[in-house]
N, C-alpha and C. Protein backbone atom coordinates (compact mmCIF):
# COMPACT_ATOMS: atom_id res chain seq x y z
N UNK A 1 8.22 -6.01 -16.18
CA UNK A 1 7.72 -6.31 -17.51
C UNK A 1 8.49 -5.48 -18.53
N UNK A 2 8.75 -6.06 -19.67
CA UNK A 2 9.47 -5.36 -20.73
C UNK A 2 8.74 -4.08 -21.11
N UNK A 3 9.50 -2.98 -21.19
CA UNK A 3 8.91 -1.71 -21.60
C UNK A 3 8.19 -0.94 -20.52
N UNK A 4 8.21 -1.44 -19.28
CA UNK A 4 7.48 -0.78 -18.19
C UNK A 4 8.38 -0.28 -17.08
N UNK A 5 9.68 -0.19 -17.29
CA UNK A 5 10.58 0.31 -16.25
C UNK A 5 10.98 -0.77 -15.28
N UNK A 6 11.66 -0.35 -14.22
CA UNK A 6 12.13 -1.30 -13.22
C UNK A 6 11.68 -0.86 -11.84
N UNK A 7 11.68 -1.78 -10.92
CA UNK A 7 11.31 -1.51 -9.54
C UNK A 7 12.05 -2.48 -8.65
N UNK A 8 12.20 -2.11 -7.39
CA UNK A 8 12.82 -3.01 -6.43
C UNK A 8 12.07 -2.90 -5.11
N UNK A 9 12.32 -3.83 -4.23
CA UNK A 9 11.67 -3.81 -2.94
C UNK A 9 12.18 -4.94 -2.08
N UNK A 10 11.59 -5.11 -0.92
CA UNK A 10 11.94 -6.22 -0.05
C UNK A 10 10.74 -6.57 0.81
N UNK A 11 10.82 -7.70 1.48
CA UNK A 11 9.72 -8.19 2.29
C UNK A 11 10.19 -8.42 3.71
N UNK A 12 9.29 -8.24 4.66
CA UNK A 12 9.53 -8.57 6.06
C UNK A 12 8.37 -9.44 6.54
N UNK A 13 8.65 -10.38 7.41
CA UNK A 13 7.58 -11.21 7.96
C UNK A 13 6.60 -10.35 8.74
N UNK A 14 5.32 -10.68 8.62
CA UNK A 14 4.32 -9.90 9.35
C UNK A 14 4.44 -10.14 10.84
N UNK A 15 4.63 -11.38 11.25
CA UNK A 15 4.78 -11.69 12.67
C UNK A 15 3.49 -11.47 13.43
N UNK A 16 3.56 -11.60 14.73
CA UNK A 16 2.40 -11.40 15.58
C UNK A 16 2.42 -9.98 16.12
N UNK A 17 1.37 -9.26 15.87
CA UNK A 17 1.29 -7.86 16.32
C UNK A 17 -0.08 -7.60 16.92
N UNK A 18 -0.17 -6.62 17.78
CA UNK A 18 -1.45 -6.16 18.30
C UNK A 18 -1.91 -5.05 17.38
N UNK A 19 -2.69 -5.41 16.38
CA UNK A 19 -3.10 -4.47 15.35
C UNK A 19 -4.42 -3.81 15.71
N UNK A 20 -4.29 -2.82 16.57
CA UNK A 20 -5.39 -1.93 16.93
C UNK A 20 -4.81 -0.52 16.94
N UNK A 21 -5.67 0.46 17.00
CA UNK A 21 -5.19 1.85 17.07
C UNK A 21 -4.28 2.04 18.27
N UNK A 22 -4.66 1.49 19.42
CA UNK A 22 -3.83 1.62 20.62
C UNK A 22 -2.59 0.73 20.55
N UNK A 23 -2.70 -0.45 19.91
CA UNK A 23 -1.61 -1.41 19.88
C UNK A 23 -0.40 -0.98 19.08
N UNK A 24 -0.57 -0.03 18.15
CA UNK A 24 0.55 0.42 17.32
C UNK A 24 1.13 1.75 17.81
N UNK A 25 0.70 2.18 18.99
CA UNK A 25 1.20 3.43 19.57
C UNK A 25 2.72 3.43 19.63
N UNK A 26 3.34 4.56 19.26
CA UNK A 26 4.78 4.68 19.35
C UNK A 26 5.35 5.63 18.32
N UNK A 27 6.67 5.77 18.35
CA UNK A 27 7.40 6.62 17.40
C UNK A 27 8.08 5.74 16.36
N UNK A 28 7.96 6.13 15.11
CA UNK A 28 8.51 5.37 13.98
C UNK A 28 9.32 6.31 13.09
N UNK A 29 10.59 5.99 12.86
CA UNK A 29 11.38 6.70 11.86
C UNK A 29 11.03 6.13 10.50
N UNK A 30 10.96 6.99 9.48
CA UNK A 30 10.59 6.49 8.15
C UNK A 30 11.46 7.11 7.07
N UNK A 31 11.51 6.42 5.93
CA UNK A 31 12.14 6.95 4.73
C UNK A 31 11.48 6.31 3.52
N UNK A 32 11.51 7.02 2.42
CA UNK A 32 10.90 6.48 1.21
C UNK A 32 11.18 7.35 0.02
N UNK A 33 10.54 7.01 -1.07
CA UNK A 33 10.72 7.77 -2.29
C UNK A 33 9.69 7.41 -3.32
N UNK A 34 9.73 8.16 -4.41
CA UNK A 34 8.79 7.93 -5.48
C UNK A 34 8.88 9.02 -6.52
N UNK A 35 7.71 9.41 -7.03
CA UNK A 35 7.66 10.35 -8.13
C UNK A 35 6.44 11.24 -7.97
N UNK A 36 6.64 12.55 -8.15
CA UNK A 36 5.56 13.53 -8.19
C UNK A 36 5.31 13.89 -9.65
N UNK A 37 4.06 13.79 -10.11
CA UNK A 37 3.74 14.17 -11.47
C UNK A 37 4.04 15.66 -11.62
N UNK A 38 4.85 16.00 -12.58
CA UNK A 38 5.25 17.40 -12.80
C UNK A 38 6.64 17.67 -12.28
N UNK A 39 6.80 17.83 -10.94
CA UNK A 39 8.13 18.15 -10.42
C UNK A 39 9.18 17.05 -10.62
N UNK A 40 8.85 15.79 -10.39
CA UNK A 40 9.81 14.72 -10.63
C UNK A 40 10.07 13.83 -9.44
N UNK A 41 11.33 13.40 -9.29
CA UNK A 41 11.72 12.43 -8.28
C UNK A 41 11.50 12.97 -6.86
N UNK A 42 11.02 12.10 -5.99
CA UNK A 42 10.69 12.47 -4.62
C UNK A 42 11.43 11.57 -3.65
N UNK A 43 12.04 12.16 -2.63
CA UNK A 43 12.64 11.43 -1.51
C UNK A 43 12.16 12.10 -0.23
N UNK A 44 11.98 11.32 0.82
CA UNK A 44 11.51 11.90 2.07
C UNK A 44 11.92 11.05 3.25
N UNK A 45 11.98 11.67 4.43
CA UNK A 45 12.21 10.94 5.67
C UNK A 45 11.66 11.76 6.82
N UNK A 46 11.63 11.14 7.99
CA UNK A 46 11.11 11.84 9.16
C UNK A 46 10.70 10.89 10.25
N UNK A 47 9.75 11.35 11.06
CA UNK A 47 9.27 10.56 12.18
C UNK A 47 7.75 10.71 12.30
N UNK A 48 7.07 9.56 12.42
CA UNK A 48 5.65 9.52 12.75
C UNK A 48 5.53 9.18 14.22
N UNK A 49 4.68 9.89 14.94
CA UNK A 49 4.36 9.57 16.32
C UNK A 49 2.87 9.24 16.36
N UNK A 50 2.54 7.97 16.64
CA UNK A 50 1.17 7.51 16.74
C UNK A 50 0.79 7.50 18.22
N UNK A 51 -0.28 8.21 18.58
CA UNK A 51 -0.58 8.45 20.00
C UNK A 51 -1.44 7.39 20.68
N UNK A 52 -1.91 6.40 19.95
CA UNK A 52 -2.74 5.36 20.55
C UNK A 52 -4.23 5.64 20.46
N UNK A 53 -4.62 6.85 20.00
CA UNK A 53 -6.04 7.20 19.88
C UNK A 53 -6.43 7.57 18.46
N UNK A 54 -5.50 7.39 17.50
CA UNK A 54 -5.80 7.72 16.11
C UNK A 54 -5.24 9.05 15.64
N UNK A 55 -4.49 9.72 16.51
CA UNK A 55 -3.86 10.98 16.12
C UNK A 55 -2.38 10.76 15.82
N UNK A 56 -1.90 11.46 14.78
CA UNK A 56 -0.52 11.34 14.33
C UNK A 56 0.14 12.71 14.40
N UNK A 57 1.41 12.74 14.81
CA UNK A 57 2.22 13.95 14.74
C UNK A 57 3.60 13.54 14.27
N UNK A 58 4.47 14.52 14.04
CA UNK A 58 5.83 14.19 13.64
C UNK A 58 6.47 15.29 12.83
N UNK A 59 7.47 14.89 12.05
CA UNK A 59 8.20 15.82 11.19
C UNK A 59 8.60 15.09 9.92
N UNK A 60 8.67 15.83 8.82
CA UNK A 60 9.05 15.23 7.54
C UNK A 60 9.94 16.22 6.78
N UNK A 61 10.94 15.67 6.09
CA UNK A 61 11.77 16.43 5.17
C UNK A 61 11.57 15.85 3.78
N UNK A 62 11.37 16.72 2.80
CA UNK A 62 11.19 16.27 1.42
C UNK A 62 12.25 16.86 0.51
N UNK A 63 12.68 16.03 -0.44
CA UNK A 63 13.60 16.45 -1.48
C UNK A 63 12.93 16.11 -2.81
N UNK A 64 12.84 17.10 -3.70
CA UNK A 64 12.26 16.89 -5.01
C UNK A 64 13.31 17.25 -6.06
N UNK A 65 13.61 16.29 -6.92
CA UNK A 65 14.63 16.45 -7.97
C UNK A 65 15.95 16.98 -7.41
N UNK A 66 16.35 16.47 -6.22
CA UNK A 66 17.64 16.81 -5.64
C UNK A 66 17.67 18.09 -4.83
N UNK A 67 16.56 18.80 -4.72
CA UNK A 67 16.49 20.04 -3.96
C UNK A 67 15.66 19.84 -2.70
N UNK A 68 16.22 20.19 -1.54
CA UNK A 68 15.46 20.10 -0.29
C UNK A 68 14.33 21.11 -0.36
N UNK A 69 13.11 20.62 -0.30
CA UNK A 69 11.93 21.48 -0.34
C UNK A 69 11.70 22.09 1.03
N UNK A 70 11.65 21.26 2.06
CA UNK A 70 11.48 21.77 3.41
C UNK A 70 11.42 20.63 4.41
N UNK A 71 11.61 21.02 5.64
CA UNK A 71 11.33 20.13 6.78
C UNK A 71 10.17 20.79 7.49
N UNK A 72 9.12 20.04 7.75
CA UNK A 72 7.93 20.62 8.35
C UNK A 72 7.31 19.66 9.35
N UNK A 73 6.70 20.25 10.38
CA UNK A 73 5.91 19.45 11.32
C UNK A 73 4.68 18.93 10.60
N UNK A 74 4.27 17.72 10.95
CA UNK A 74 3.06 17.13 10.37
C UNK A 74 2.12 16.72 11.48
N UNK A 75 0.83 16.73 11.18
CA UNK A 75 -0.18 16.21 12.11
C UNK A 75 -1.34 15.70 11.28
N UNK A 76 -1.98 14.67 11.81
CA UNK A 76 -3.09 14.07 11.08
C UNK A 76 -3.70 12.94 11.88
N UNK A 77 -4.15 11.92 11.16
CA UNK A 77 -4.84 10.79 11.77
C UNK A 77 -4.31 9.48 11.21
N UNK A 78 -4.61 8.40 11.93
CA UNK A 78 -4.29 7.06 11.44
C UNK A 78 -5.37 6.10 11.89
N UNK A 79 -5.50 4.99 11.17
CA UNK A 79 -6.40 3.90 11.55
C UNK A 79 -5.61 2.60 11.51
N UNK A 80 -6.10 1.59 12.21
CA UNK A 80 -5.47 0.27 12.17
C UNK A 80 -6.57 -0.78 12.39
N UNK A 81 -6.65 -1.73 11.47
CA UNK A 81 -7.63 -2.82 11.56
C UNK A 81 -6.96 -4.07 12.13
N UNK A 82 -7.75 -5.00 12.58
CA UNK A 82 -7.22 -6.25 13.14
C UNK A 82 -6.46 -7.07 12.12
N UNK A 83 -6.61 -6.77 10.83
CA UNK A 83 -5.87 -7.43 9.76
C UNK A 83 -4.46 -6.87 9.61
N UNK A 84 -4.11 -5.88 10.44
CA UNK A 84 -2.82 -5.16 10.40
C UNK A 84 -2.70 -4.22 9.21
N UNK A 85 -3.81 -3.93 8.56
CA UNK A 85 -3.84 -2.92 7.50
C UNK A 85 -4.44 -1.65 8.06
N UNK A 86 -3.93 -0.52 7.58
CA UNK A 86 -4.44 0.74 8.09
C UNK A 86 -4.25 1.87 7.11
N UNK A 87 -4.46 3.08 7.60
CA UNK A 87 -4.30 4.29 6.81
C UNK A 87 -3.62 5.36 7.64
N UNK A 88 -2.95 6.27 6.96
CA UNK A 88 -2.39 7.47 7.58
C UNK A 88 -2.79 8.63 6.67
N UNK A 89 -3.26 9.72 7.27
CA UNK A 89 -3.62 10.92 6.52
C UNK A 89 -3.06 12.13 7.25
N UNK A 90 -2.36 13.00 6.51
CA UNK A 90 -1.86 14.25 7.08
C UNK A 90 -1.65 15.25 5.95
N UNK A 91 -1.28 16.47 6.32
CA UNK A 91 -0.99 17.51 5.35
C UNK A 91 0.48 17.89 5.47
N UNK A 92 1.16 17.96 4.32
CA UNK A 92 2.55 18.41 4.29
C UNK A 92 2.62 19.66 3.42
N UNK A 93 2.99 20.78 4.02
CA UNK A 93 3.07 22.06 3.30
C UNK A 93 1.81 22.35 2.49
N UNK A 94 0.65 22.09 3.08
CA UNK A 94 -0.61 22.39 2.43
C UNK A 94 -1.15 21.31 1.51
N UNK A 95 -0.36 20.28 1.23
CA UNK A 95 -0.80 19.21 0.33
C UNK A 95 -1.21 17.97 1.14
N UNK A 96 -2.35 17.36 0.81
CA UNK A 96 -2.77 16.16 1.53
C UNK A 96 -1.88 14.97 1.19
N UNK A 97 -1.61 14.16 2.20
CA UNK A 97 -0.86 12.91 2.03
C UNK A 97 -1.73 11.80 2.58
N UNK A 98 -2.04 10.80 1.75
CA UNK A 98 -2.86 9.66 2.17
C UNK A 98 -2.08 8.39 1.88
N UNK A 99 -1.89 7.59 2.92
CA UNK A 99 -1.10 6.37 2.82
C UNK A 99 -1.93 5.16 3.23
N UNK A 100 -1.74 4.05 2.53
CA UNK A 100 -2.21 2.76 2.99
C UNK A 100 -1.03 2.10 3.67
N UNK A 101 -1.28 1.42 4.81
CA UNK A 101 -0.20 0.84 5.58
C UNK A 101 -0.45 -0.64 5.85
N UNK A 102 0.64 -1.36 6.14
CA UNK A 102 0.57 -2.75 6.60
C UNK A 102 1.66 -2.94 7.65
N UNK A 103 1.27 -3.39 8.83
CA UNK A 103 2.23 -3.64 9.91
C UNK A 103 2.99 -4.92 9.63
N UNK A 104 4.29 -4.91 9.93
CA UNK A 104 5.16 -6.08 9.76
C UNK A 104 6.10 -6.17 10.96
N UNK A 105 6.93 -7.18 10.97
CA UNK A 105 7.93 -7.37 12.03
C UNK A 105 7.32 -7.36 13.43
N UNK A 106 6.21 -8.04 13.57
CA UNK A 106 5.57 -8.14 14.89
C UNK A 106 5.06 -6.81 15.43
N UNK A 107 4.76 -5.87 14.53
CA UNK A 107 4.22 -4.58 14.95
C UNK A 107 5.27 -3.52 15.22
N UNK A 108 6.53 -3.79 14.88
CA UNK A 108 7.57 -2.78 15.10
C UNK A 108 7.91 -1.99 13.84
N UNK A 109 7.31 -2.35 12.71
CA UNK A 109 7.56 -1.67 11.45
C UNK A 109 6.29 -1.69 10.61
N UNK A 110 6.24 -0.77 9.64
CA UNK A 110 5.16 -0.85 8.66
C UNK A 110 5.63 -0.32 7.31
N UNK A 111 4.97 -0.83 6.25
CA UNK A 111 5.19 -0.37 4.89
C UNK A 111 4.05 0.57 4.52
N UNK A 112 4.32 1.53 3.62
CA UNK A 112 3.27 2.41 3.13
C UNK A 112 3.31 2.48 1.60
N UNK A 113 2.16 2.80 1.04
CA UNK A 113 2.05 3.18 -0.36
C UNK A 113 1.13 4.38 -0.40
N UNK A 114 1.57 5.43 -1.09
CA UNK A 114 0.76 6.65 -1.15
C UNK A 114 -0.34 6.48 -2.18
N UNK A 115 -1.53 6.97 -1.86
CA UNK A 115 -2.70 6.79 -2.71
C UNK A 115 -3.23 8.11 -3.26
N UNK A 116 -2.40 9.17 -3.26
CA UNK A 116 -2.82 10.44 -3.83
C UNK A 116 -2.68 10.42 -5.36
N UNK A 117 -3.52 11.18 -6.05
CA UNK A 117 -3.62 11.11 -7.51
C UNK A 117 -2.33 11.44 -8.23
N UNK A 118 -1.55 12.42 -7.79
CA UNK A 118 -0.38 12.86 -8.53
C UNK A 118 0.95 12.39 -7.94
N UNK A 119 0.90 11.38 -7.06
CA UNK A 119 2.12 10.91 -6.40
C UNK A 119 2.17 9.39 -6.42
N UNK A 120 3.33 8.86 -6.75
CA UNK A 120 3.60 7.43 -6.62
C UNK A 120 4.76 7.32 -5.64
N UNK A 121 4.52 6.76 -4.45
CA UNK A 121 5.60 6.61 -3.49
C UNK A 121 5.35 5.44 -2.56
N UNK A 122 6.45 4.90 -2.05
CA UNK A 122 6.39 3.86 -1.03
C UNK A 122 7.40 4.23 0.05
N UNK A 123 7.18 3.70 1.25
CA UNK A 123 8.12 3.94 2.34
C UNK A 123 8.05 2.81 3.34
N UNK A 124 9.02 2.84 4.26
CA UNK A 124 9.07 1.90 5.36
C UNK A 124 9.33 2.70 6.64
N UNK A 125 8.70 2.28 7.72
CA UNK A 125 8.85 2.95 9.01
C UNK A 125 9.22 1.92 10.08
N UNK A 126 10.15 2.26 10.96
CA UNK A 126 10.61 1.35 12.01
C UNK A 126 10.58 2.07 13.36
N UNK A 127 10.21 1.31 14.42
CA UNK A 127 10.27 1.87 15.78
C UNK A 127 11.71 1.95 16.21
């Protein structure tokens, strides 16, 4: 929309997936970006490991305004509904991260959008 900035993205077919907590078990590499209110531009990547019981582990590296903030281990939880929509929650360097997810590509990938108050970000994760 005029006066509201620009955005880009892409779509993947949802396909047939086993959308349960156990059905999405696996390791997913991810990358994404967005904006942190105050500090500025945000970029991140890493790996999510979903254990099949709702527990998440992995590692994440964050860059804010071109400076590597840190690479840190992450742990948290995830949910998955039969609609292939879910959530991921973890803490990165003491700050909560809450994501809404949607499985795509027959359950081998998912998209995220962060739902925290001071962050606007999206990402994609692939097995």
